Amino acid sequence: MKKFYKAMIHRTMFVSICFFALLLVSCGNTKTTNTVLNINGVRSLEAIHIESKYNDKDQVLMVMPVNNMKEASVYGPTTPISFTGQMTAYKANCVGCTGKVSCPPRQDVRNGNIYFQDPTYGTIRILAADPAIPCGTIVQITNVSFSADPIVGIVLDRGSAIKGNIMDFLVAEVDSTDTVGRQRDVHYEVIRWGW
């Protein structure tokens, strides 16, 4: 009989502890609502930070300007960065090009597909960049003559002439690279560092 009472006391204590733990968790659980904003046609939590930077006078998101790719590779993985550089254009059939971008998923761009479908940012342009900027990096581009609106692009390619603060903008075979030409004082802001 003693064993029975002892077992009942242990079982009752265990059930009581579980009940109070659940009660404590449920009392502390408050419902919060995250507002998601739209950037480039995609609603995402990352867009909140970008939108707050441009719409909030306090500039919640601080962006560190860097002067070269060495600084970019040091600060980029942990801090939003920006830099000023140049932009050129290239086509899938350029000299030395294979028709596929060099970064995974090695998308074939010979069919005129100059866009990439990113799960967060939607349909964005393909860029070639210095190897210091990792594949999958999302960049917002401003201060170009061919677009008044910011352009969102993804680094999916490399190029032998693409070194330092320069990016190459993939254009369709039917388009002229002269539309882009060589843009100077282009502002690049890294929104996401790599995949």
N, C-alpha and C. Protein backbone atom coordinates (compact mmCIF):
# COMPACT_ATOMS: atom_id res chain seq x y z
N MET A 1 0.81 -1.18 0.00
CA MET A 1 0.00 0.00 0.00
C MET A 1 0.86 1.25 0.00
N LYS A 2 2.00 1.17 0.74
CA LYS A 2 2.90 2.31 0.79
C LYS A 2 3.42 2.67 -0.60
N LYS A 3 3.77 1.65 -1.39
CA LYS A 3 4.27 1.87 -2.75
C LYS A 3 3.21 2.54 -3.61
N PHE A 4 1.96 2.14 -3.43
CA PHE A 4 0.86 2.72 -4.21
C PHE A 4 0.72 4.21 -3.91
N TYR A 5 0.74 4.60 -2.63
CA TYR A 5 0.61 6.01 -2.24
C TYR A 5 1.82 6.82 -2.73
N LYS A 6 2.99 6.22 -2.63
CA LYS A 6 4.20 6.91 -3.09
C LYS A 6 4.14 7.16 -4.60
N ALA A 7 3.70 6.17 -5.35
CA ALA A 7 3.56 6.32 -6.80
C ALA A 7 2.52 7.37 -7.15
N MET A 8 1.41 7.40 -6.42
CA MET A 8 0.35 8.39 -6.67
C MET A 8 0.85 9.81 -6.38
N ILE A 9 1.65 9.97 -5.33
CA ILE A 9 2.19 11.29 -5.00
C ILE A 9 3.14 11.76 -6.10
N HIS A 10 4.00 10.89 -6.59
CA HIS A 10 4.93 11.25 -7.68
C HIS A 10 4.17 11.61 -8.95
N ARG A 11 3.17 10.82 -9.27
CA ARG A 11 2.37 11.07 -10.47
C ARG A 11 1.62 12.41 -10.36
N THR A 12 1.06 12.68 -9.19
CA THR A 12 0.33 13.94 -8.97
C THR A 12 1.28 15.13 -9.06
N MET A 13 2.47 14.99 -8.49
CA MET A 13 3.45 16.08 -8.57
C MET A 13 3.87 16.33 -10.02
N PHE A 14 4.08 15.26 -10.79
CA PHE A 14 4.48 15.39 -12.19
C PHE A 14 3.39 16.10 -13.00
N VAL A 15 2.15 15.68 -12.83
CA VAL A 15 1.03 16.30 -13.54
C VAL A 15 0.89 17.77 -13.14
N SER A 16 1.06 18.07 -11.86
CA SER A 16 0.96 19.45 -11.37
C SER A 16 2.04 20.33 -11.98
N ILE A 17 3.26 19.84 -12.04
CA ILE A 17 4.37 20.59 -12.61
C ILE A 17 4.11 20.86 -14.09
N CYS A 18 3.66 19.84 -14.82
CA CYS A 18 3.34 20.01 -16.24
C CYS A 18 2.24 21.04 -16.45
N PHE A 19 1.21 20.96 -15.61
CA PHE A 19 0.09 21.90 -15.72
C PHE A 19 0.56 23.34 -15.49
N PHE A 20 1.36 23.57 -14.45
CA PHE A 20 1.84 24.92 -14.17
C PHE A 20 2.81 25.43 -15.24
N ALA A 21 3.60 24.53 -15.81
CA ALA A 21 4.50 24.93 -16.89
C ALA A 21 3.70 25.39 -18.11
N LEU A 22 2.67 24.62 -18.46
CA LEU A 22 1.81 25.01 -19.58
C LEU A 22 1.08 26.31 -19.30
N LEU A 23 0.62 26.47 -18.08
CA LEU A 23 -0.07 27.69 -17.70
C LEU A 23 0.87 28.89 -17.81
N LEU A 24 2.11 28.72 -17.37
CA LEU A 24 3.10 29.79 -17.44
C LEU A 24 3.41 30.16 -18.89
N VAL A 25 3.58 29.17 -19.74
CA VAL A 25 3.86 29.43 -21.16
C VAL A 25 2.68 30.13 -21.82
N SER A 26 1.48 29.66 -21.56
CA SER A 26 0.31 30.26 -22.22
C SER A 26 0.04 31.67 -21.73
N CYS A 27 0.35 31.98 -20.46
CA CYS A 27 0.15 33.34 -19.94
C CYS A 27 1.17 34.31 -20.53
N GLY A 28 2.36 33.83 -20.80
CA GLY A 28 3.40 34.70 -21.34
C GLY A 28 3.35 34.85 -22.84
N ASN A 29 2.51 34.12 -23.51
CA ASN A 29 2.43 34.15 -24.95
C ASN A 29 1.47 35.25 -25.40
N THR A 30 2.03 36.32 -25.92
CA THR A 30 1.19 37.39 -26.45
C THR A 30 1.29 37.40 -27.96
N LYS A 31 0.22 37.71 -28.60
CA LYS A 31 0.19 37.71 -30.06
C LYS A 31 0.79 39.00 -30.58
N THR A 32 1.76 38.88 -31.49
CA THR A 32 2.34 40.06 -32.12
C THR A 32 2.07 39.97 -33.62
N THR A 33 1.96 41.11 -34.23
CA THR A 33 1.72 41.17 -35.66
C THR A 33 2.89 41.87 -36.32
N ASN A 34 3.50 41.20 -37.28
CA ASN A 34 4.57 41.81 -38.06
C ASN A 34 3.96 42.38 -39.33
N THR A 35 4.28 43.61 -39.61
CA THR A 35 3.82 44.22 -40.84
C THR A 35 4.87 43.95 -41.90
N VAL A 36 4.46 43.45 -43.04
CA VAL A 36 5.40 43.24 -44.13
C VAL A 36 5.11 44.25 -45.22
N LEU A 37 6.15 44.76 -45.81
CA LEU A 37 6.01 45.76 -46.84
C LEU A 37 6.41 45.18 -48.18
N ASN A 38 6.03 45.86 -49.21
CA ASN A 38 6.24 45.39 -50.55
C ASN A 38 7.48 46.05 -51.16
N ILE A 39 8.43 45.23 -51.63
CA ILE A 39 9.56 45.77 -52.36
C ILE A 39 9.74 44.90 -53.60
N ASN A 40 9.84 45.52 -54.72
CA ASN A 40 10.02 44.81 -56.00
C ASN A 40 8.93 43.77 -56.22
N GLY A 41 7.70 44.08 -55.78
CA GLY A 41 6.58 43.19 -55.99
C GLY A 41 6.52 42.02 -55.05
N VAL A 42 7.38 41.97 -54.04
CA VAL A 42 7.43 40.84 -53.11
C VAL A 42 7.24 41.36 -51.69
N ARG A 43 6.37 40.69 -50.93
CA ARG A 43 6.18 41.05 -49.53
C ARG A 43 7.12 40.20 -48.69
N SER A 44 7.98 40.85 -47.90
CA SER A 44 8.93 40.09 -47.09
C SER A 44 9.30 40.88 -45.85
N LEU A 45 9.79 40.16 -44.84
CA LEU A 45 10.25 40.82 -43.63
C LEU A 45 11.51 41.63 -43.90
N GLU A 46 12.36 41.17 -44.83
CA GLU A 46 13.55 41.94 -45.19
C GLU A 46 13.16 43.29 -45.76
N ALA A 47 12.02 43.33 -46.44
CA ALA A 47 11.56 44.59 -47.04
C ALA A 47 11.25 45.62 -45.97
N ILE A 48 10.89 45.18 -44.78
CA ILE A 48 10.62 46.12 -43.70
C ILE A 48 11.85 46.97 -43.42
N HIS A 49 13.00 46.33 -43.35
CA HIS A 49 14.23 47.05 -43.05
C HIS A 49 14.60 48.02 -44.17
N ILE A 50 14.42 47.58 -45.39
CA ILE A 50 14.76 48.44 -46.53
C ILE A 50 13.80 49.62 -46.59
N GLU A 51 12.50 49.34 -46.46
CA GLU A 51 11.51 50.40 -46.51
C GLU A 51 11.71 51.39 -45.36
N SER A 52 12.03 50.87 -44.17
CA SER A 52 12.20 51.77 -43.03
C SER A 52 13.40 52.68 -43.24
N LYS A 53 14.42 52.19 -43.94
CA LYS A 53 15.58 53.02 -44.20
C LYS A 53 15.20 54.21 -45.07
N TYR A 54 14.36 53.97 -46.07
CA TYR A 54 14.03 55.04 -47.00
C TYR A 54 12.84 55.88 -46.56
N ASN A 55 11.97 55.35 -45.72
CA ASN A 55 10.77 56.08 -45.32
C ASN A 55 10.84 56.68 -43.93
N ASP A 56 11.74 56.23 -43.10
CA ASP A 56 11.82 56.69 -41.72
C ASP A 56 12.91 57.74 -41.58
N LYS A 57 12.58 58.85 -41.00
CA LYS A 57 13.54 59.95 -40.84
C LYS A 57 14.70 59.57 -39.93
N ASP A 58 14.47 58.60 -39.02
CA ASP A 58 15.53 58.18 -38.11
C ASP A 58 16.52 57.21 -38.76
N GLN A 59 16.22 56.74 -39.95
CA GLN A 59 17.05 55.79 -40.69
C GLN A 59 17.44 54.61 -39.80
N VAL A 60 16.48 53.74 -39.57
CA VAL A 60 16.66 52.59 -38.70
C VAL A 60 17.80 51.70 -39.20
N LEU A 61 17.90 51.52 -40.50
CA LEU A 61 18.92 50.64 -41.06
C LEU A 61 20.13 51.48 -41.43
N MET A 62 21.22 51.31 -40.72
CA MET A 62 22.44 52.06 -41.01
C MET A 62 23.26 51.29 -42.03
N VAL A 63 23.66 51.97 -43.09
CA VAL A 63 24.44 51.36 -44.15
C VAL A 63 25.84 51.94 -44.12
N MET A 64 26.84 51.06 -44.14
CA MET A 64 28.24 51.49 -44.07
C MET A 64 28.81 51.65 -45.48
N PRO A 65 29.25 52.86 -45.82
CA PRO A 65 29.90 53.02 -47.12
C PRO A 65 31.30 52.40 -47.08
N VAL A 66 31.65 51.66 -48.12
CA VAL A 66 32.99 51.08 -48.22
C VAL A 66 33.67 51.64 -49.46
N ASN A 67 34.99 51.64 -49.46
CA ASN A 67 35.75 52.24 -50.56
C ASN A 67 36.29 51.23 -51.56
N ASN A 68 36.44 49.97 -51.13
CA ASN A 68 37.01 48.97 -52.03
C ASN A 68 36.46 47.59 -51.67
N MET A 69 36.81 46.61 -52.49
CA MET A 69 36.27 45.26 -52.30
C MET A 69 36.87 44.57 -51.09
N LYS A 70 38.05 44.97 -50.65
CA LYS A 70 38.62 44.39 -49.43
C LYS A 70 37.74 44.78 -48.24
N GLU A 71 37.36 46.05 -48.16
CA GLU A 71 36.45 46.50 -47.09
C GLU A 71 35.09 45.83 -47.23
N ALA A 72 34.62 45.67 -48.47
CA ALA A 72 33.32 45.03 -48.69
C ALA A 72 33.33 43.61 -48.15
N SER A 73 34.41 42.85 -48.41
CA SER A 73 34.45 41.46 -47.94
C SER A 73 34.60 41.37 -46.43
N VAL A 74 35.15 42.41 -45.79
CA VAL A 74 35.28 42.41 -44.33
C VAL A 74 33.95 42.75 -43.67
N TYR A 75 33.29 43.83 -44.13
CA TYR A 75 32.08 44.32 -43.47
C TYR A 75 30.78 43.74 -44.04
N GLY A 76 30.80 43.34 -45.29
CA GLY A 76 29.58 42.87 -45.97
C GLY A 76 28.84 41.73 -45.30
N PRO A 77 29.54 40.72 -44.77
CA PRO A 77 28.81 39.60 -44.17
C PRO A 77 28.01 39.97 -42.91
N THR A 78 28.37 41.07 -42.24
CA THR A 78 27.70 41.38 -40.98
C THR A 78 26.99 42.73 -40.98
N THR A 79 27.29 43.59 -41.94
CA THR A 79 26.76 44.95 -41.95
C THR A 79 26.25 45.31 -43.34
N PRO A 80 25.10 45.97 -43.44
CA PRO A 80 24.67 46.46 -44.77
C PRO A 80 25.71 47.46 -45.27
N ILE A 81 26.16 47.30 -46.52
CA ILE A 81 27.19 48.17 -47.07
C ILE A 81 26.70 48.83 -48.36
N SER A 82 27.39 49.90 -48.73
CA SER A 82 27.14 50.54 -50.02
C SER A 82 28.48 51.01 -50.57
N PHE A 83 28.53 51.18 -51.89
CA PHE A 83 29.74 51.71 -52.51
C PHE A 83 29.35 52.37 -53.83
N THR A 84 30.23 53.23 -54.30
CA THR A 84 30.03 53.89 -55.59
C THR A 84 31.02 53.31 -56.57
N GLY A 85 30.56 53.05 -57.79
CA GLY A 85 31.43 52.44 -58.78
C GLY A 85 30.94 52.68 -60.18
N GLN A 86 31.31 51.77 -61.06
CA GLN A 86 30.93 51.86 -62.47
C GLN A 86 30.05 50.69 -62.85
N MET A 87 29.35 50.84 -63.98
CA MET A 87 28.53 49.76 -64.51
C MET A 87 28.74 49.67 -66.01
N THR A 88 28.88 48.44 -66.47
CA THR A 88 28.92 48.16 -67.91
C THR A 88 27.85 47.12 -68.19
N ALA A 89 27.72 46.73 -69.45
CA ALA A 89 26.72 45.73 -69.83
C ALA A 89 27.37 44.61 -70.62
N TYR A 90 26.76 43.43 -70.58
CA TYR A 90 27.24 42.31 -71.37
C TYR A 90 26.06 41.46 -71.82
N LYS A 91 26.31 40.63 -72.84
CA LYS A 91 25.29 39.72 -73.37
C LYS A 91 25.76 38.28 -73.15
N ALA A 92 24.82 37.35 -73.28
CA ALA A 92 25.14 35.94 -73.05
C ALA A 92 26.15 35.41 -74.05
N ASN A 93 26.20 36.00 -75.25
CA ASN A 93 27.11 35.50 -76.29
C ASN A 93 28.39 36.33 -76.38
N CYS A 94 28.75 37.06 -75.32
CA CYS A 94 29.96 37.89 -75.36
C CYS A 94 31.20 37.01 -75.51
N VAL A 95 32.31 37.62 -75.90
CA VAL A 95 33.56 36.89 -76.06
C VAL A 95 33.96 36.31 -74.70
N GLY A 96 34.17 35.01 -74.64
CA GLY A 96 34.54 34.34 -73.41
C GLY A 96 33.35 33.89 -72.59
N CYS A 97 32.13 34.22 -73.02
CA CYS A 97 30.93 33.82 -72.28
C CYS A 97 30.47 32.44 -72.74
N THR A 98 29.93 31.66 -71.84
CA THR A 98 29.46 30.31 -72.16
C THR A 98 27.96 30.25 -72.39
N GLY A 99 27.25 31.32 -72.05
CA GLY A 99 25.80 31.32 -72.16
C GLY A 99 25.11 30.92 -70.87
N LYS A 100 25.90 30.51 -69.89
CA LYS A 100 25.37 30.20 -68.56
C LYS A 100 26.13 31.05 -67.55
N VAL A 101 25.42 31.50 -66.53
CA VAL A 101 26.09 32.28 -65.49
C VAL A 101 27.00 31.35 -64.69
N SER A 102 28.04 31.92 -64.08
CA SER A 102 29.03 31.08 -63.42
C SER A 102 28.66 30.65 -62.01
N CYS A 103 27.67 31.30 -61.40
CA CYS A 103 27.26 30.94 -60.04
C CYS A 103 26.09 29.96 -60.08
N PRO A 104 26.04 29.04 -59.12
CA PRO A 104 24.87 28.17 -59.02
C PRO A 104 23.61 29.00 -58.86
N PRO A 105 22.54 28.65 -59.49
CA PRO A 105 22.22 27.40 -60.16
C PRO A 105 22.64 27.33 -61.63
N ARG A 106 23.61 28.15 -62.04
CA ARG A 106 24.16 28.17 -63.41
C ARG A 106 23.06 28.29 -64.46
N GLN A 107 22.26 29.30 -64.30
CA GLN A 107 21.13 29.55 -65.19
C GLN A 107 21.60 29.82 -66.61
N ASP A 108 20.91 29.20 -67.58
CA ASP A 108 21.19 29.42 -69.00
C ASP A 108 20.54 30.75 -69.40
N VAL A 109 21.34 31.69 -69.89
CA VAL A 109 20.82 33.01 -70.26
C VAL A 109 20.84 33.24 -71.77
N ARG A 110 21.16 32.20 -72.54
CA ARG A 110 21.19 32.33 -74.00
C ARG A 110 19.81 32.50 -74.59
N ASN A 111 18.78 32.10 -73.86
CA ASN A 111 17.41 32.18 -74.36
C ASN A 111 16.78 33.55 -74.09
N GLY A 112 17.60 34.54 -73.72
CA GLY A 112 17.08 35.88 -73.46
C GLY A 112 16.59 36.07 -72.04
N ASN A 113 16.79 35.06 -71.22
CA ASN A 113 16.35 35.15 -69.83
C ASN A 113 17.38 35.92 -69.01
N ILE A 114 17.20 37.22 -68.93
CA ILE A 114 18.16 38.09 -68.24
C ILE A 114 17.73 38.36 -66.80
N TYR A 115 16.71 37.63 -66.36
CA TYR A 115 16.18 37.82 -65.01
C TYR A 115 16.37 36.55 -64.18
N PHE A 116 16.36 36.72 -62.87
CA PHE A 116 16.41 35.59 -61.95
C PHE A 116 15.21 35.70 -61.02
N GLN A 117 14.60 34.56 -60.71
CA GLN A 117 13.45 34.53 -59.81
C GLN A 117 13.93 34.18 -58.41
N ASP A 118 14.05 35.21 -57.55
CA ASP A 118 14.50 35.02 -56.17
C ASP A 118 13.28 34.80 -55.28
N PRO A 119 13.34 33.85 -54.33
CA PRO A 119 12.19 33.59 -53.47
C PRO A 119 11.77 34.80 -52.62
N THR A 120 12.72 35.67 -52.28
CA THR A 120 12.40 36.83 -51.45
C THR A 120 12.12 38.07 -52.27
N TYR A 121 12.94 38.34 -53.27
CA TYR A 121 12.85 39.61 -54.01
C TYR A 121 12.14 39.51 -55.35
N GLY A 122 11.70 38.33 -55.72
CA GLY A 122 10.94 38.18 -56.97
C GLY A 122 11.84 38.21 -58.19
N THR A 123 11.34 38.77 -59.27
CA THR A 123 12.05 38.81 -60.54
C THR A 123 13.03 39.98 -60.52
N ILE A 124 14.32 39.66 -60.59
CA ILE A 124 15.36 40.68 -60.51
C ILE A 124 16.39 40.46 -61.60
N ARG A 125 17.21 41.48 -61.87
CA ARG A 125 18.21 41.44 -62.94
C ARG A 125 19.45 40.67 -62.50
N ILE A 126 20.16 40.12 -63.48
CA ILE A 126 21.39 39.37 -63.24
C ILE A 126 22.59 40.29 -63.42
N LEU A 127 23.54 40.19 -62.50
CA LEU A 127 24.74 41.01 -62.51
C LEU A 127 25.99 40.13 -62.43
N ALA A 128 27.07 40.64 -63.00
CA ALA A 128 28.38 40.04 -62.80
C ALA A 128 29.16 40.98 -61.89
N ALA A 129 29.91 40.43 -60.93
CA ALA A 129 30.63 41.27 -59.97
C ALA A 129 31.98 40.66 -59.63
N ASP A 130 32.77 41.45 -58.94
CA ASP A 130 34.07 41.03 -58.43
C ASP A 130 33.89 39.80 -57.54
N PRO A 131 34.82 38.86 -57.55
CA PRO A 131 34.71 37.66 -56.70
C PRO A 131 34.62 37.95 -55.20
N ALA A 132 35.00 39.16 -54.77
CA ALA A 132 34.88 39.51 -53.35
C ALA A 132 33.43 39.60 -52.93
N ILE A 133 32.53 39.81 -53.88
CA ILE A 133 31.09 39.86 -53.58
C ILE A 133 30.54 38.47 -53.90
N PRO A 134 30.04 37.74 -52.92
CA PRO A 134 29.65 36.35 -53.15
C PRO A 134 28.41 36.20 -54.03
N CYS A 135 28.33 35.03 -54.63
CA CYS A 135 27.15 34.69 -55.44
C CYS A 135 25.90 34.77 -54.56
N GLY A 136 24.81 35.23 -55.16
CA GLY A 136 23.55 35.34 -54.45
C GLY A 136 23.36 36.67 -53.74
N THR A 137 24.35 37.55 -53.82
CA THR A 137 24.23 38.87 -53.18
C THR A 137 23.19 39.70 -53.93
N ILE A 138 22.28 40.31 -53.17
CA ILE A 138 21.26 41.17 -53.75
C ILE A 138 21.73 42.61 -53.61
N VAL A 139 21.66 43.36 -54.72
CA VAL A 139 22.15 44.72 -54.76
C VAL A 139 21.06 45.63 -55.30
N GLN A 140 20.87 46.78 -54.64
CA GLN A 140 19.98 47.81 -55.17
C GLN A 140 20.84 48.86 -55.85
N ILE A 141 20.52 49.17 -57.11
CA ILE A 141 21.34 50.05 -57.93
C ILE A 141 20.58 51.34 -58.21
N THR A 142 21.25 52.46 -57.97
CA THR A 142 20.67 53.77 -58.28
C THR A 142 21.71 54.64 -58.99
N ASN A 143 21.24 55.76 -59.50
CA ASN A 143 22.07 56.75 -60.20
C ASN A 143 22.60 56.21 -61.52
N VAL A 144 21.70 55.60 -62.31
CA VAL A 144 22.04 55.18 -63.66
C VAL A 144 21.18 55.97 -64.64
N SER A 145 21.71 56.24 -65.83
CA SER A 145 21.01 57.09 -66.80
C SER A 145 19.83 56.39 -67.47
N PHE A 146 19.81 55.06 -67.48
CA PHE A 146 18.77 54.34 -68.20
C PHE A 146 17.57 53.96 -67.34
N SER A 147 17.57 54.33 -66.05
CA SER A 147 16.43 54.04 -65.19
C SER A 147 16.34 55.07 -64.06
N ALA A 148 15.17 55.70 -63.94
CA ALA A 148 14.96 56.65 -62.85
C ALA A 148 14.67 55.91 -61.55
N ASP A 149 14.11 54.70 -61.66
CA ASP A 149 13.78 53.89 -60.49
C ASP A 149 14.97 53.04 -60.08
N PRO A 150 15.07 52.70 -58.80
CA PRO A 150 16.13 51.78 -58.36
C PRO A 150 15.96 50.42 -59.04
N ILE A 151 17.07 49.79 -59.35
CA ILE A 151 17.07 48.47 -59.97
C ILE A 151 17.58 47.49 -58.92
N VAL A 152 16.88 46.37 -58.76
CA VAL A 152 17.34 45.32 -57.84
C VAL A 152 17.92 44.19 -58.69
N GLY A 153 19.14 43.80 -58.35
CA GLY A 153 19.82 42.75 -59.10
C GLY A 153 20.47 41.75 -58.17
N ILE A 154 20.89 40.63 -58.77
CA ILE A 154 21.54 39.56 -58.01
C ILE A 154 22.86 39.20 -58.69
N VAL A 155 23.90 39.02 -57.90
CA VAL A 155 25.20 38.63 -58.43
C VAL A 155 25.16 37.13 -58.71
N LEU A 156 25.20 36.80 -60.01
CA LEU A 156 25.19 35.40 -60.42
C LEU A 156 26.30 35.09 -61.41
N ASP A 157 27.16 36.06 -61.68
CA ASP A 157 28.17 35.86 -62.71
C ASP A 157 29.46 36.56 -62.33
N ARG A 158 30.52 36.17 -63.02
CA ARG A 158 31.84 36.77 -62.87
C ARG A 158 32.30 37.20 -64.26
N GLY A 159 33.37 37.93 -64.33
CA GLY A 159 33.94 38.32 -65.61
C GLY A 159 35.38 38.69 -65.41
N SER A 160 36.21 38.41 -66.41
CA SER A 160 37.65 38.68 -66.26
C SER A 160 37.94 40.17 -66.10
N ALA A 161 37.08 41.03 -66.67
CA ALA A 161 37.30 42.47 -66.57
C ALA A 161 36.53 43.09 -65.40
N ILE A 162 35.77 42.28 -64.68
CA ILE A 162 34.95 42.80 -63.59
C ILE A 162 35.73 42.68 -62.29
N LYS A 163 36.44 43.73 -61.96
CA LYS A 163 37.28 43.76 -60.76
C LYS A 163 36.99 45.05 -60.01
N GLY A 164 36.96 44.98 -58.70
CA GLY A 164 36.78 46.17 -57.88
C GLY A 164 35.34 46.67 -57.90
N ASN A 165 35.18 47.99 -57.87
CA ASN A 165 33.86 48.63 -57.73
C ASN A 165 33.14 48.76 -59.07
N ILE A 166 33.07 47.69 -59.82
CA ILE A 166 32.38 47.70 -61.11
C ILE A 166 31.48 46.49 -61.18
N MET A 167 30.31 46.66 -61.78
CA MET A 167 29.41 45.54 -62.01
C MET A 167 28.99 45.54 -63.47
N ASP A 168 28.74 44.34 -63.97
CA ASP A 168 28.33 44.15 -65.35
C ASP A 168 26.86 43.75 -65.36
N PHE A 169 26.06 44.43 -66.14
CA PHE A 169 24.61 44.30 -66.18
C PHE A 169 24.24 43.43 -67.38
N LEU A 170 23.60 42.27 -67.16
CA LEU A 170 23.24 41.38 -68.26
C LEU A 170 22.07 41.96 -69.04
N VAL A 171 22.24 42.08 -70.37
CA VAL A 171 21.16 42.57 -71.24
C VAL A 171 20.82 41.48 -72.26
N ALA A 172 19.63 41.56 -72.82
CA ALA A 172 19.17 40.58 -73.81
C ALA A 172 19.98 40.72 -75.10
N GLU A 173 20.03 39.64 -75.87
CA GLU A 173 20.77 39.63 -77.13
C GLU A 173 20.25 40.69 -78.10
N VAL A 174 18.94 40.96 -78.06
CA VAL A 174 18.36 41.93 -78.99
C VAL A 174 18.60 43.37 -78.55
N ASP A 175 18.98 43.57 -77.29
CA ASP A 175 19.25 44.92 -76.79
C ASP A 175 20.69 45.31 -77.09
N SER A 176 20.91 46.59 -77.11
CA SER A 176 22.26 47.09 -77.32
C SER A 176 22.92 47.34 -75.97
N THR A 177 24.18 46.97 -75.87
CA THR A 177 24.90 47.27 -74.64
C THR A 177 25.19 48.77 -74.55
N ASP A 178 25.00 49.48 -75.68
CA ASP A 178 25.21 50.93 -75.68
C ASP A 178 24.19 51.65 -74.82
N THR A 179 23.01 51.02 -74.60
CA THR A 179 21.99 51.64 -73.74
C THR A 179 22.56 51.85 -72.35
N VAL A 180 23.31 50.88 -71.88
CA VAL A 180 23.94 50.99 -70.57
C VAL A 180 25.26 51.74 -70.70
N GLY A 181 26.05 51.37 -71.72
CA GLY A 181 27.35 52.02 -71.91
C GLY A 181 28.24 51.80 -70.71
N ARG A 182 29.01 52.81 -70.36
CA ARG A 182 29.81 52.79 -69.14
C ARG A 182 29.27 53.87 -68.23
N GLN A 183 28.56 53.44 -67.20
CA GLN A 183 27.97 54.36 -66.23
C GLN A 183 28.99 54.62 -65.13
N ARG A 184 29.15 55.87 -64.77
CA ARG A 184 30.05 56.23 -63.68
C ARG A 184 29.23 56.74 -62.49
N ASP A 185 29.81 56.72 -61.32
CA ASP A 185 29.16 57.19 -60.09
C ASP A 185 27.83 56.47 -59.83
N VAL A 186 27.81 55.19 -60.12
CA VAL A 186 26.64 54.36 -59.83
C VAL A 186 26.68 53.99 -58.36
N HIS A 187 25.53 54.09 -57.71
CA HIS A 187 25.46 53.78 -56.27
C HIS A 187 24.94 52.35 -56.10
N TYR A 188 25.71 51.52 -55.43
CA TYR A 188 25.35 50.14 -55.15
C TYR A 188 25.11 49.99 -53.65
N GLU A 189 23.98 49.42 -53.30
CA GLU A 189 23.70 49.14 -51.89
C GLU A 189 23.38 47.66 -51.75
N VAL A 190 24.19 46.97 -50.95
CA VAL A 190 24.01 45.53 -50.75
C VAL A 190 22.87 45.32 -49.77
N ILE A 191 21.83 44.64 -50.24
CA ILE A 191 20.66 44.35 -49.42
C ILE A 191 20.81 43.00 -48.73
N ARG A 192 21.37 42.03 -49.44
CA ARG A 192 21.61 40.70 -48.86
C ARG A 192 23.00 40.26 -49.28
N TRP A 193 23.78 39.77 -48.35
CA TRP A 193 25.15 39.31 -48.63
C TRP A 193 25.15 37.82 -48.90
N GLY A 194 25.29 37.45 -50.14
CA GLY A 194 25.35 36.03 -50.54
C GLY A 194 24.03 35.31 -50.29
N TRP A 195 24.07 34.00 -50.50
CA TRP A 195 22.88 33.18 -50.32
C TRP A 195 22.63 33.07 -48.85
